[in-house]
Structures are given as structure tokens and as C-alpha cells.
């Protein structure tokens, strides 16, 4: 189940497929897919570093910007 989905997610990301498309292709019903990516950051790091555009997109989703509410 999830192991295959996260492996497929990595493959799609390495092929520069956008995150919203990866979510659909992986049949992720919710944003749980982002939780799995956060947990696998150390595994993904070498692959992301080799693909700067993918790395930038990954950081956007894995580490969302801080919003200040006032």
C-alpha cells in the first residue's frame, strides 16, 4: 500500500511531475501524502539535491511558509 505509493511519489517527483498531479496519480484522497513526504525527507534529500527544480517544489510543500496572524 503506502510503501508503493511513496515510491511512486518519489519516481514522479524525480520526473518533475507537479505535486497536484502526483497526488491524483497516487490516489491520495487527502493531504496525508504530504505527511509521508515530510517523514521521508532524509531519504529524499539526495535525490532532491540532484534535481534543483524538484527540490524547490518539494520544499514549498514539505516546509510551508510561516504565516503570522494578527
Protein backbone atom coordinates (compact mmCIF):
# COMPACT_ATOMS: atom_id res chain seq x y z
CA UNK A 1 0.00 0.00 0.00
CA UNK A 2 1.72 3.09 1.34
CA UNK A 3 5.25 1.89 0.52
CA UNK A 4 4.35 1.56 -3.13
CA UNK A 5 2.58 4.92 -3.09
CA UNK A 6 5.54 6.74 -1.58
CA UNK A 7 7.92 5.00 -4.02
CA UNK A 8 5.72 6.08 -6.92
CA UNK A 9 5.61 9.57 -5.46
CA UNK A 10 9.40 9.73 -5.47
CA UNK A 11 9.53 8.48 -9.06
CA UNK A 12 7.01 11.07 -10.25
CA UNK A 13 8.81 13.87 -8.42
CA UNK A 14 12.13 12.87 -9.94
CA UNK A 15 10.43 13.18 -13.32
CA UNK A 16 9.35 16.73 -12.38
CA UNK A 17 5.66 15.87 -12.20
CA UNK A 18 3.84 18.61 -10.19
CA UNK A 19 2.69 17.72 -6.67
CA UNK A 20 -1.02 18.10 -7.50
CA UNK A 21 -0.64 15.57 -10.33
CA UNK A 22 1.35 13.20 -8.08
CA UNK A 23 -1.50 13.37 -5.57
CA UNK A 24 -4.02 12.33 -8.23
CA UNK A 25 -1.79 9.64 -9.73
CA UNK A 26 -1.07 8.19 -6.28
CA UNK A 27 -4.78 8.11 -5.44
CA UNK A 28 -4.14 10.20 -2.33
CA UNK A 29 -7.59 11.17 -1.05
CA UNK A 30 -6.23 13.80 1.33
CA UNK A 31 -3.09 15.75 2.06
CA UNK A 32 -1.79 12.78 4.06
CA UNK A 33 0.59 12.35 1.15
CA UNK A 34 2.39 15.49 2.36
CA UNK A 35 2.86 13.93 5.82
CA UNK A 36 4.57 10.94 4.22
CA UNK A 37 6.85 13.25 2.27
CA UNK A 38 7.82 15.12 5.41
CA UNK A 39 8.68 11.83 7.12
CA UNK A 40 10.82 10.73 4.20
CA UNK A 41 12.82 13.94 3.84
CA UNK A 42 16.11 12.29 4.76
CA UNK A 43 15.57 9.57 2.18
CA UNK A 44 14.51 12.05 -0.49
CA UNK A 45 17.23 14.62 0.20
CA UNK A 46 19.97 13.18 -2.07
CA UNK A 47 17.51 12.85 -4.96
CA UNK A 48 16.10 16.34 -4.45
CA UNK A 49 19.58 17.88 -4.31
CA UNK A 50 20.33 16.34 -7.70
CA UNK A 51 17.20 17.99 -9.17
CA UNK A 52 17.10 21.68 -8.11
CA UNK A 53 13.65 22.42 -9.58
CA UNK A 54 12.13 19.39 -7.88
CA UNK A 55 13.91 20.28 -4.64
CA UNK A 56 12.41 23.77 -4.72
CA UNK A 57 8.90 22.37 -5.27
CA UNK A 58 9.41 19.81 -2.51
CA UNK A 59 10.45 22.48 -0.02
CA UNK A 60 7.37 24.52 -0.90
CA UNK A 61 5.11 21.64 0.17
CA UNK A 62 7.22 20.00 2.86
CA UNK A 63 8.05 23.22 4.68
CA UNK A 64 5.16 25.61 4.08
CA UNK A 65 5.82 29.31 4.69
CA UNK A 66 5.07 30.72 8.12
CA UNK A 67 2.02 32.92 8.27
CA UNK A 68 1.62 35.45 11.04
CA UNK A 69 -1.89 36.03 12.23
CA UNK A 70 -2.56 39.29 13.93
